Amino acid sequence: TMLAARAFGAPRIVIVDVDDYRLSVAKDLGADQIVKVSSNIEDVAEEVLLIHKAMGTDVDVTFDCAGFTKTMSTALGATR
């Protein structure tokens, strides 16, 4: 998903995940920033702030590639 977004012109890409290995792969493949989050739904508000900080601007588009309540809530909360 990240590589497709880059190929179609995404100017800045922040990858968010709970797994250090997947985050390191994303960074190696060209993610501008990575953000490690928890699997705890109570952390969504704090993590949205971390995503905004990593992005450095408003988030226009998000892709939730997991489909869990937590990941969807985080993606929706981070997108303007």
C-alpha atoms as a PDB file:
ATOM      1  CA  THR A   1       0.000   0.000   0.000  1.00  0.00           C
ATOM      2  CA  MET A   2       2.815   2.377   0.861  1.00  0.00           C
ATOM      3  CA  LEU A   3       4.668   1.700  -2.376  1.00  0.00           C
ATOM      4  CA  ALA A   4       1.476   2.205  -4.393  1.00  0.00           C
ATOM      5  CA  ALA A   5       0.796   5.486  -2.597  1.00  0.00           C
ATOM      6  CA  ARG A   6       4.330   6.659  -3.370  1.00  0.00           C
ATOM      7  CA  ALA A   7       4.006   5.563  -7.019  1.00  0.00           C
ATOM      8  CA  PHE A   8       0.815   7.595  -7.341  1.00  0.00           C
ATOM      9  CA  GLY A   9       2.432  10.733  -5.933  1.00  0.00           C
ATOM     10  CA  ALA A  10       1.864  10.795  -2.182  1.00  0.00           C
ATOM     11  CA  PRO A  11       4.176  13.598  -1.034  1.00  0.00           C
ATOM     12  CA  ARG A  12       4.627  12.343   2.544  1.00  0.00           C
ATOM     13  CA  ILE A  13       3.965   8.911   3.989  1.00  0.00           C
ATOM     14  CA  VAL A  14       3.739   8.011   7.673  1.00  0.00           C
ATOM     15  CA  ILE A  15       3.393   4.320   8.497  1.00  0.00           C
ATOM     16  CA  VAL A  16       1.748   3.318  11.778  1.00  0.00           C
ATOM     17  CA  ASP A  17       1.978  -0.167  13.268  1.00  0.00           C
ATOM     18  CA  VAL A  18       2.334  -2.127  16.496  1.00  0.00           C
ATOM     19  CA  ASP A  19       5.198  -4.236  15.179  1.00  0.00           C
ATOM     20  CA  ASP A  20       8.806  -3.017  15.172  1.00  0.00           C
ATOM     21  CA  TYR A  21       9.836  -5.296  12.308  1.00  0.00           C
ATOM     22  CA  ARG A  22       7.072  -4.093   9.974  1.00  0.00           C
ATOM     23  CA  LEU A  23       7.934  -0.505  10.858  1.00  0.00           C
ATOM     24  CA  SER A  24      11.608  -1.080  10.050  1.00  0.00           C
ATOM     25  CA  VAL A  25      10.681  -2.616   6.687  1.00  0.00           C
ATOM     26  CA  ALA A  26       8.438   0.368   5.944  1.00  0.00           C
ATOM     27  CA  LYS A  27      11.278   2.750   6.783  1.00  0.00           C
ATOM     28  CA  ASP A  28      13.689   0.778   4.570  1.00  0.00           C
ATOM     29  CA  LEU A  29      11.175   0.917   1.714  1.00  0.00           C
ATOM     30  CA  GLY A  30      10.867   4.687   1.927  1.00  0.00           C
ATOM     31  CA  ALA A  31       8.360   5.730   4.580  1.00  0.00           C
ATOM     32  CA  ASP A  32       9.029   9.333   5.583  1.00  0.00           C
ATOM     33  CA  GLN A  33       8.190   8.617   9.216  1.00  0.00           C
ATOM     34  CA  ILE A  34       7.042   5.668  11.279  1.00  0.00           C
ATOM     35  CA  VAL A  35       4.918   5.673  14.424  1.00  0.00           C
ATOM     36  CA  LYS A  36       4.697   2.724  16.805  1.00  0.00           C
ATOM     37  CA  VAL A  37       1.307   2.392  18.458  1.00  0.00           C
ATOM     38  CA  SER A  38      -0.281  -0.002  20.927  1.00  0.00           C
ATOM     39  CA  SER A  39      -3.182  -2.373  20.458  1.00  0.00           C
ATOM     40  CA  ASN A  40      -5.101  -0.628  23.257  1.00  0.00           C
ATOM     41  CA  ILE A  41      -8.141   1.308  21.977  1.00  0.00           C
ATOM     42  CA  GLU A  42      -7.814   3.709  24.920  1.00  0.00           C
ATOM     43  CA  ASP A  43      -4.592   5.067  23.367  1.00  0.00           C
ATOM     44  CA  VAL A  44      -6.220   6.328  20.135  1.00  0.00           C
ATOM     45  CA  ALA A  45      -6.370  10.040  21.054  1.00  0.00           C
ATOM     46  CA  GLU A  46      -2.714  10.145  22.134  1.00  0.00           C
ATOM     47  CA  GLU A  47      -1.599   8.212  19.069  1.00  0.00           C
ATOM     48  CA  VAL A  48      -3.513  10.517  16.720  1.00  0.00           C
ATOM     49  CA  LEU A  49      -1.416  13.373  18.122  1.00  0.00           C
ATOM     50  CA  LEU A  50       1.772  11.371  17.463  1.00  0.00           C
ATOM     51  CA  ILE A  51       0.653  10.751  13.881  1.00  0.00           C
ATOM     52  CA  HIS A  52      -0.087  14.441  13.325  1.00  0.00           C
ATOM     53  CA  LYS A  53       3.335  15.329  14.713  1.00  0.00           C
ATOM     54  CA  ALA A  54       5.050  12.776  12.456  1.00  0.00           C
ATOM     55  CA  MET A  55       3.098  14.000   9.433  1.00  0.00           C
ATOM     56  CA  GLY A  56       3.943  17.632  10.115  1.00  0.00           C
ATOM     57  CA  THR A  57       0.679  18.761   8.513  1.00  0.00           C
ATOM     58  CA  ASP A  58      -2.939  17.688   8.266  1.00  0.00           C
ATOM     59  CA  VAL A  59      -3.533  14.129   7.100  1.00  0.00           C
ATOM     60  CA  ASP A  60      -5.546  14.089   3.874  1.00  0.00           C
ATOM     61  CA  VAL A  61      -5.701  10.354   3.168  1.00  0.00           C
ATOM     62  CA  THR A  62      -5.345   7.240   5.299  1.00  0.00           C
ATOM     63  CA  PHE A  63      -5.413   3.559   4.431  1.00  0.00           C
ATOM     64  CA  ASP A  64      -6.356   1.061   7.122  1.00  0.00           C
ATOM     65  CA  CYS A  65      -4.803  -2.228   6.080  1.00  0.00           C
ATOM     66  CA  ALA A  66      -5.842  -4.234   9.142  1.00  0.00           C
ATOM     67  CA  GLY A  67      -9.568  -3.621   9.603  1.00  0.00           C
ATOM     68  CA  PHE A  68      -9.721  -3.729  13.384  1.00  0.00           C
ATOM     69  CA  THR A  69     -11.832  -1.310  15.418  1.00  0.00           C
ATOM     70  CA  LYS A  70      -8.645   0.233  16.863  1.00  0.00           C
ATOM     71  CA  THR A  71      -6.963   0.745  13.493  1.00  0.00           C
ATOM     72  CA  MET A  72     -10.087   2.201  11.901  1.00  0.00           C
ATOM     73  CA  SER A  73     -10.632   4.562  14.841  1.00  0.00           C
ATOM     74  CA  THR A  74      -7.016   5.717  14.652  1.00  0.00           C
ATOM     75  CA  ALA A  75      -7.169   6.248  10.878  1.00  0.00           C
ATOM     76  CA  LEU A  76     -10.444   8.183  11.080  1.00  0.00           C
ATOM     77  CA  GLY A  77      -9.218  10.252  14.017  1.00  0.00           C
ATOM     78  CA  ALA A  78      -5.985  11.171  12.252  1.00  0.00           C
ATOM     79  CA  THR A  79      -7.606  12.222   8.961  1.00  0.00           C
ATOM     80  CA  ARG A  80      -8.998  15.705   8.652  1.00  0.00           C
END
